[in-house]
Amino acid sequence: MLWTIFVILMVMWLLGMVTSYTLGGFLHILLVIAIAVVLIRVIRGEKPLA
């Protein structure tokens, strides 16, 4: 589930960068949050939910 959200955010972020979408700043914040969550899970050694 977390990886699915991460991939969706990455795609939306890339589309925002390419198309200069007005919500680009919001998507950047979501991307940073998603990366932080993934890093925390990797550091803690937690198993994937999916």
N, C-alpha and C. Protein backbone atom coordinates (compact mmCIF):
# COMPACT_ATOMS: atom_id res chain seq x y z
N MET A 1 0.83 -1.19 0.00
CA MET A 1 0.00 0.00 0.00
C MET A 1 0.88 1.26 0.00
N LEU A 2 1.89 1.26 0.85
CA LEU A 2 2.77 2.41 0.93
C LEU A 2 3.51 2.64 -0.38
N TRP A 3 3.96 1.54 -0.99
CA TRP A 3 4.67 1.66 -2.26
C TRP A 3 3.74 2.17 -3.36
N THR A 4 2.48 1.76 -3.33
CA THR A 4 1.52 2.23 -4.32
C THR A 4 1.33 3.74 -4.19
N ILE A 5 1.18 4.22 -2.97
CA ILE A 5 1.04 5.66 -2.74
C ILE A 5 2.30 6.38 -3.20
N PHE A 6 3.45 5.81 -2.89
CA PHE A 6 4.73 6.41 -3.28
C PHE A 6 4.82 6.54 -4.80
N VAL A 7 4.47 5.48 -5.52
CA VAL A 7 4.54 5.51 -6.98
C VAL A 7 3.56 6.53 -7.55
N ILE A 8 2.35 6.58 -7.01
CA ILE A 8 1.35 7.54 -7.49
C ILE A 8 1.85 8.97 -7.27
N LEU A 9 2.42 9.23 -6.09
CA LEU A 9 2.95 10.57 -5.82
C LEU A 9 4.10 10.92 -6.76
N MET A 10 4.96 9.94 -7.05
CA MET A 10 6.07 10.19 -7.97
C MET A 10 5.55 10.56 -9.36
N VAL A 11 4.56 9.81 -9.84
CA VAL A 11 3.99 10.08 -11.16
C VAL A 11 3.35 11.46 -11.18
N MET A 12 2.58 11.78 -10.14
CA MET A 12 1.92 13.09 -10.08
C MET A 12 2.96 14.21 -10.01
N TRP A 13 4.05 13.97 -9.26
CA TRP A 13 5.10 14.98 -9.13
C TRP A 13 5.78 15.20 -10.48
N LEU A 14 6.08 14.11 -11.18
CA LEU A 14 6.72 14.24 -12.49
C LEU A 14 5.81 14.95 -13.48
N LEU A 15 4.51 14.63 -13.45
CA LEU A 15 3.56 15.32 -14.32
C LEU A 15 3.51 16.81 -13.99
N GLY A 16 3.57 17.12 -12.71
CA GLY A 16 3.57 18.51 -12.28
C GLY A 16 4.80 19.25 -12.75
N MET A 17 5.95 18.58 -12.72
CA MET A 17 7.18 19.21 -13.18
C MET A 17 7.14 19.45 -14.69
N VAL A 18 6.59 18.50 -15.43
CA VAL A 18 6.56 18.59 -16.89
C VAL A 18 5.53 19.61 -17.36
N THR A 19 4.36 19.64 -16.72
CA THR A 19 3.27 20.48 -17.20
C THR A 19 3.15 21.80 -16.44
N SER A 20 4.05 22.05 -15.47
CA SER A 20 3.98 23.26 -14.63
C SER A 20 2.61 23.39 -13.98
N TYR A 21 2.12 22.30 -13.47
CA TYR A 21 0.82 22.25 -12.82
C TYR A 21 0.80 23.17 -11.61
N THR A 22 -0.31 23.81 -11.33
CA THR A 22 -0.37 24.80 -10.26
C THR A 22 -0.24 24.19 -8.87
N LEU A 23 -0.54 22.91 -8.72
CA LEU A 23 -0.40 22.26 -7.42
C LEU A 23 0.97 21.62 -7.24
N GLY A 24 1.95 22.05 -8.03
CA GLY A 24 3.28 21.48 -7.97
C GLY A 24 3.89 21.58 -6.58
N GLY A 25 3.71 22.70 -5.90
CA GLY A 25 4.25 22.86 -4.55
C GLY A 25 3.64 21.87 -3.59
N PHE A 26 2.34 21.66 -3.68
CA PHE A 26 1.65 20.69 -2.83
C PHE A 26 2.16 19.28 -3.10
N LEU A 27 2.35 18.96 -4.37
CA LEU A 27 2.85 17.63 -4.72
C LEU A 27 4.27 17.42 -4.23
N HIS A 28 5.08 18.47 -4.23
CA HIS A 28 6.44 18.36 -3.71
C HIS A 28 6.40 18.04 -2.21
N ILE A 29 5.50 18.67 -1.50
CA ILE A 29 5.37 18.39 -0.06
C ILE A 29 4.96 16.94 0.16
N LEU A 30 3.99 16.46 -0.62
CA LEU A 30 3.55 15.07 -0.49
C LEU A 30 4.68 14.11 -0.83
N LEU A 31 5.47 14.45 -1.84
CA LEU A 31 6.59 13.60 -2.23
C LEU A 31 7.62 13.50 -1.11
N VAL A 32 7.93 14.63 -0.50
CA VAL A 32 8.90 14.63 0.60
C VAL A 32 8.38 13.80 1.77
N ILE A 33 7.09 13.91 2.07
CA ILE A 33 6.49 13.11 3.15
C ILE A 33 6.57 11.62 2.81
N ALA A 34 6.26 11.27 1.57
CA ALA A 34 6.29 9.86 1.16
C ALA A 34 7.71 9.30 1.26
N ILE A 35 8.69 10.06 0.83
CA ILE A 35 10.09 9.61 0.91
C ILE A 35 10.51 9.45 2.36
N ALA A 36 10.10 10.38 3.21
CA ALA A 36 10.45 10.29 4.62
C ALA A 36 9.84 9.04 5.25
N VAL A 37 8.60 8.73 4.92
CA VAL A 37 7.94 7.53 5.48
C VAL A 37 8.66 6.27 5.01
N VAL A 38 9.01 6.22 3.73
CA VAL A 38 9.72 5.05 3.20
C VAL A 38 11.07 4.90 3.90
N LEU A 39 11.81 5.98 4.05
CA LEU A 39 13.11 5.92 4.71
C LEU A 39 12.99 5.46 6.16
N ILE A 40 12.01 5.97 6.87
CA ILE A 40 11.81 5.57 8.26
C ILE A 40 11.51 4.08 8.35
N ARG A 41 10.67 3.58 7.44
CA ARG A 41 10.34 2.15 7.45
C ARG A 41 11.57 1.31 7.13
N VAL A 42 12.39 1.75 6.20
CA VAL A 42 13.60 1.00 5.84
C VAL A 42 14.58 1.00 7.01
N ILE A 43 14.76 2.15 7.65
CA ILE A 43 15.68 2.25 8.77
C ILE A 43 15.23 1.36 9.93
N ARG A 44 13.94 1.33 10.20
CA ARG A 44 13.41 0.51 11.29
C ARG A 44 13.40 -0.98 10.94
N GLY A 45 13.48 -1.28 9.64
CA GLY A 45 13.49 -2.67 9.21
C GLY A 45 12.12 -3.30 9.22
N GLU A 46 11.08 -2.51 9.08
CA GLU A 46 9.72 -3.04 9.09
C GLU A 46 9.43 -3.75 7.77
N LYS A 47 8.58 -4.77 7.85
CA LYS A 47 8.18 -5.50 6.66
C LYS A 47 7.12 -4.70 5.90
N PRO A 48 7.08 -4.87 4.57
CA PRO A 48 6.05 -4.17 3.78
C PRO A 48 4.64 -4.62 4.17
N LEU A 49 3.70 -3.72 4.07
CA LEU A 49 2.32 -4.02 4.43
C LEU A 49 1.64 -4.85 3.36
N ALA A 50 2.02 -4.62 2.10
CA ALA A 50 1.34 -5.32 0.99
C ALA A 50 1.99 -6.65 0.70
